[in-house]
Amino acid sequence: MTDASPRYALYYAPDASSALWSFGSKLLGYDALSGQSLDHPDSLGNFRERWSSLTTEPRKYGFHATLKAPFYLIDSQDEKALLRAVDNFSKVTRCFSLPVKAANIGPFIALKPSSSAEKINALASEIVNHFDHFRKSLTAEDRERRLQSPLTDRQIAYLDLYGYPYVHEEFRFHMTLTNSLHIEDREPVLTCLRSLFEAEVGNTEILINRLCVFRQESPQERFRIIHSADFV
């Protein structure tokens, strides 16, 4: 693979007409469907002026929840085959609701399940397995880069099996809203985001009703939604 090869990811992302999509995309300052930069909400208050610097990492990926982490296509597969497989998978997958809340996950803030995550965990595991034959194996350099993070033996085993350490029982559904934050910012930012989420979205249950294909043309570019398929 080269820097000219695109990467793909299988993500959950809300419908572009939804309040949830507007909320997440404006927070990140990027709409991954249109590819356009967006202004951050004025209601971020004291954080408004430096909000762009607090969201640099999630902005690269767009508002989403990872179901299968970014990967390069194996040589025997192409984009059309991947999109066709996503359509076929979605035709036999049922949608469901998932209660969420804004919460700390380590040093960053994300939307995460506020009750049982059994259904979304099972869906993520199924997607990881079902689409793994599209994934090119990690290079030695990519594997070494991943190992710079502290990983358990199980996570390292998953890294070698799936190219990503946080799958199956290591998976945690989340929709990232910030970078890693300085400890002094975490609680006031969380309070701000909870208030904004309530005002802008209101409903704490999100509908897991589609599978989206995101593509990154090169490492320097942001991910874009190129395809989505609704569940039944």
Protein backbone atom coordinates (compact mmCIF):
# COMPACT_ATOMS: atom_id res chain seq x y z
CA MET A 1 0.00 0.00 0.00
CA THR A 2 1.10 3.59 -0.56
CA ASP A 3 0.04 7.00 0.63
CA ALA A 4 -2.04 7.13 -2.57
CA SER A 5 -4.16 4.18 -1.44
CA PRO A 6 -7.43 5.11 0.25
CA ARG A 7 -8.40 3.78 3.64
CA TYR A 8 -11.93 2.66 4.44
CA ALA A 9 -13.83 2.39 7.71
CA LEU A 10 -17.24 1.03 8.67
CA TYR A 11 -18.89 3.45 11.04
CA TYR A 12 -22.26 4.27 12.48
CA ALA A 13 -23.20 7.86 11.67
CA PRO A 14 -26.64 9.48 12.12
CA ASP A 15 -28.70 10.58 9.16
CA ALA A 16 -27.58 13.96 7.85
CA SER A 17 -31.06 15.45 8.47
CA SER A 18 -31.02 14.53 12.17
CA ALA A 19 -30.39 16.81 15.14
CA LEU A 20 -27.74 14.37 16.33
CA TRP A 21 -25.72 14.72 13.11
CA SER A 22 -25.94 18.50 13.29
CA PHE A 23 -24.89 18.46 16.95
CA GLY A 24 -21.86 16.23 16.41
CA SER A 25 -20.71 17.75 13.14
CA LYS A 26 -20.85 21.33 14.43
CA LEU A 27 -18.97 20.34 17.56
CA LEU A 28 -16.20 18.84 15.46
CA GLY A 29 -16.33 21.67 12.93
CA TYR A 30 -16.63 19.27 10.01
CA ASP A 31 -19.42 17.61 8.02
CA ALA A 32 -18.12 14.26 6.79
CA LEU A 33 -20.93 13.92 4.25
CA SER A 34 -20.44 17.23 2.45
CA GLY A 35 -16.75 17.50 3.27
CA GLN A 36 -17.29 21.09 4.43
CA SER A 37 -15.87 22.79 7.50
CA LEU A 38 -18.49 24.14 9.91
CA ASP A 39 -18.60 26.88 12.51
CA HIS A 40 -18.66 25.69 16.11
CA PRO A 41 -21.78 26.50 18.16
CA ASP A 42 -21.85 29.87 19.90
CA SER A 43 -23.37 28.10 22.92
CA LEU A 44 -19.96 26.65 23.83
CA GLY A 45 -19.57 29.75 25.94
CA ASN A 46 -16.11 30.30 27.39
CA PHE A 47 -14.74 27.38 25.38
CA ARG A 48 -15.87 28.78 22.01
CA GLU A 49 -12.64 30.55 21.08
CA ARG A 50 -10.38 27.56 21.69
CA TRP A 51 -12.84 24.83 20.77
CA SER A 52 -11.17 24.17 17.43
CA SER A 53 -7.95 23.25 19.23
CA LEU A 54 -9.86 20.87 21.52
CA THR A 55 -11.32 18.85 18.63
CA THR A 56 -8.45 18.41 16.14
CA GLU A 57 -8.29 14.61 16.38
CA PRO A 58 -11.99 13.67 16.00
CA ARG A 59 -12.32 16.26 13.22
CA LYS A 60 -10.10 14.09 11.00
CA TYR A 61 -12.63 11.26 11.12
CA GLY A 62 -15.96 13.06 11.21
CA PHE A 63 -18.76 12.44 13.70
CA HIS A 64 -19.13 8.67 14.03
CA ALA A 65 -18.93 5.55 16.14
CA THR A 66 -16.38 2.97 15.02
CA LEU A 67 -17.76 -0.45 14.13
CA LYS A 68 -14.80 -1.59 12.03
CA ALA A 69 -11.68 0.54 12.32
CA PRO A 70 -9.92 2.05 9.27
CA PHE A 71 -8.24 -0.41 6.94
CA TYR A 72 -6.71 -0.67 3.49
CA LEU A 73 -8.40 -3.00 1.00
CA ILE A 74 -6.71 -6.28 0.24
CA ASP A 75 -5.57 -6.53 -3.38
CA SER A 76 -8.22 -9.11 -4.31
CA GLN A 77 -11.10 -6.75 -3.32
CA ASP A 78 -12.25 -3.36 -4.56
CA GLU A 79 -14.51 -0.56 -3.42
CA LYS A 80 -17.53 -1.76 -5.39
CA ALA A 81 -17.35 -5.15 -3.72
CA LEU A 82 -17.14 -3.55 -0.29
CA LEU A 83 -20.16 -1.33 -0.91
CA ARG A 84 -22.13 -4.27 -2.25
CA ALA A 85 -21.27 -6.30 0.85
CA VAL A 86 -22.39 -3.43 3.09
CA ASP A 87 -25.73 -3.28 1.26
CA ASN A 88 -26.25 -7.02 1.59
CA PHE A 89 -25.34 -7.03 5.27
CA SER A 90 -27.69 -4.14 6.04
CA LYS A 91 -30.64 -5.85 4.34
CA VAL A 92 -30.62 -8.56 7.02
CA THR A 93 -29.72 -6.42 10.04
CA ARG A 94 -32.39 -4.97 12.32
CA CYS A 95 -32.25 -1.45 13.68
CA PHE A 96 -32.52 -0.74 17.41
CA SER A 97 -32.41 2.13 19.87
CA LEU A 98 -29.46 2.86 22.13
CA PRO A 99 -29.66 5.25 25.10
CA VAL A 100 -26.55 7.45 25.27
CA LYS A 101 -25.06 10.23 27.38
CA ALA A 102 -22.05 12.51 27.20
CA ALA A 103 -19.38 11.14 29.50
CA ASN A 104 -15.66 10.98 30.11
CA ILE A 105 -13.80 8.10 28.54
CA GLY A 106 -10.39 8.46 30.06
CA PRO A 107 -9.13 11.94 29.13
CA PHE A 108 -11.62 12.63 26.31
CA ILE A 109 -15.38 13.12 26.13
CA ALA A 110 -17.78 11.10 24.00
CA LEU A 111 -21.34 9.94 23.72
CA LYS A 112 -21.49 6.45 25.16
CA PRO A 113 -24.24 3.99 26.17
CA SER A 114 -26.09 4.89 29.34
CA SER A 115 -27.54 1.39 29.81
CA SER A 116 -27.02 -2.08 28.37
CA ALA A 117 -24.72 -2.16 25.35
CA GLU A 118 -25.37 -5.81 24.53
CA LYS A 119 -26.97 -5.19 21.13
CA ILE A 120 -24.39 -2.72 19.86
CA ASN A 121 -21.54 -4.91 21.13
CA ALA A 122 -22.96 -7.90 19.27
CA LEU A 123 -23.40 -5.85 16.09
CA ALA A 124 -19.84 -4.55 16.24
CA SER A 125 -18.45 -8.07 16.71
CA GLU A 126 -20.48 -9.33 13.77
CA ILE A 127 -19.25 -6.51 11.54
CA VAL A 128 -15.61 -7.04 12.54
CA ASN A 129 -15.83 -10.70 11.58
CA HIS A 130 -18.06 -10.35 8.53
CA PHE A 131 -15.94 -7.76 6.73
CA ASP A 132 -12.47 -8.82 7.77
CA HIS A 133 -11.73 -10.51 4.45
CA PHE A 134 -11.67 -7.02 2.87
CA ARG A 135 -8.85 -5.86 5.14
CA LYS A 136 -5.19 -5.81 4.18
CA SER A 137 -2.92 -6.97 7.00
CA LEU A 138 -1.06 -4.39 9.02
CA THR A 139 2.42 -3.53 7.93
CA ALA A 140 5.21 -4.00 10.44
CA GLU A 141 5.40 -0.21 10.78
CA ASP A 142 1.68 0.12 11.51
CA ARG A 143 1.84 -2.70 14.06
CA GLU A 144 4.80 -1.09 15.79
CA ARG A 145 2.97 2.22 15.91
CA ARG A 146 -0.03 0.58 17.57
CA LEU A 147 2.24 -1.07 20.12
CA GLN A 148 3.38 2.36 21.31
CA SER A 149 0.09 2.45 23.26
CA PRO A 150 -0.16 0.28 26.39
CA LEU A 151 -2.02 -2.85 25.28
CA THR A 152 -2.92 -6.03 27.14
CA ASP A 153 -1.94 -9.44 25.81
CA ARG A 154 -5.51 -9.96 24.58
CA GLN A 155 -5.51 -6.62 22.80
CA ILE A 156 -2.22 -7.44 21.11
CA ALA A 157 -3.69 -10.76 19.97
CA TYR A 158 -6.68 -8.90 18.50
CA LEU A 159 -4.34 -6.41 16.85
CA ASP A 160 -2.65 -9.29 15.06
CA LEU A 161 -5.95 -10.98 14.16
CA TYR A 162 -7.99 -7.94 13.10
CA GLY A 163 -5.55 -5.06 12.71
CA TYR A 164 -7.16 -3.28 15.65
CA PRO A 165 -6.95 -4.06 19.38
CA TYR A 166 -10.38 -2.88 20.55
CA VAL A 167 -12.75 -5.51 19.17
CA HIS A 168 -15.17 -8.06 20.64
CA GLU A 169 -15.09 -7.84 24.45
CA GLU A 170 -12.55 -5.00 24.21
CA PHE A 171 -14.97 -2.89 22.13
CA ARG A 172 -16.63 0.16 23.69
CA PHE A 173 -19.21 2.04 21.64
CA HIS A 174 -18.49 5.77 21.66
CA MET A 175 -18.93 8.85 19.50
CA THR A 176 -15.92 11.05 20.21
CA LEU A 177 -16.54 14.75 20.85
CA THR A 178 -13.12 16.06 21.97
CA ASN A 179 -9.39 15.47 21.99
CA SER A 180 -7.75 14.23 25.16
CA LEU A 181 -8.34 17.11 27.54
CA HIS A 182 -6.24 18.62 30.28
CA ILE A 183 -7.59 17.43 33.62
CA GLU A 184 -8.73 20.96 34.56
CA ASP A 185 -10.93 21.17 31.44
CA ARG A 186 -12.65 17.80 31.69
CA GLU A 187 -15.49 18.50 34.11
CA PRO A 188 -16.39 22.00 32.85
CA VAL A 189 -16.31 20.79 29.22
CA LEU A 190 -18.45 17.77 30.12
CA THR A 191 -21.00 20.01 31.86
CA CYS A 192 -21.08 22.28 28.82
CA LEU A 193 -21.55 19.38 26.37
CA ARG A 194 -24.27 17.74 28.43
CA SER A 195 -26.21 20.99 28.43
CA LEU A 196 -25.67 21.46 24.70
CA PHE A 197 -26.69 17.86 23.94
CA GLU A 198 -29.91 18.29 25.89
CA ALA A 199 -30.69 21.57 24.15
CA GLU A 200 -29.76 20.53 20.60
CA VAL A 201 -30.75 16.84 20.55
CA GLY A 202 -33.00 16.30 23.56
CA ASN A 203 -33.76 12.64 22.97
CA THR A 204 -31.17 10.52 24.75
CA GLU A 205 -31.95 7.45 22.63
CA ILE A 206 -30.22 7.25 19.26
CA LEU A 207 -31.36 4.94 16.49
CA ILE A 208 -28.73 2.49 15.27
CA ASN A 209 -30.25 2.11 11.84
CA ARG A 210 -27.48 2.24 9.24
CA LEU A 211 -23.96 1.27 8.34
CA CYS A 212 -21.78 3.89 6.69
CA VAL A 213 -18.63 3.54 4.63
CA PHE A 214 -16.11 6.31 5.23
CA ARG A 215 -13.10 6.78 2.93
CA GLN A 216 -9.85 8.64 3.47
CA GLU A 217 -8.10 9.40 0.20
CA SER A 218 -4.68 9.93 1.79
CA PRO A 219 -3.25 10.23 5.32
CA GLN A 220 -3.31 14.02 5.02
CA GLU A 221 -7.03 14.19 4.25
CA ARG A 222 -10.16 13.82 6.36
CA PHE A 223 -12.52 10.89 6.11
CA ARG A 224 -15.67 11.33 4.02
CA ILE A 225 -18.92 9.35 3.93
CA ILE A 226 -19.14 7.71 0.52
CA HIS A 227 -21.98 5.26 1.14
CA SER A 228 -24.64 4.33 3.68
CA ALA A 229 -27.06 1.42 3.87
CA ASP A 230 -30.15 1.36 6.09
CA PHE A 231 -30.99 -1.55 8.34
CA VAL A 232 -34.45 -3.11 8.31
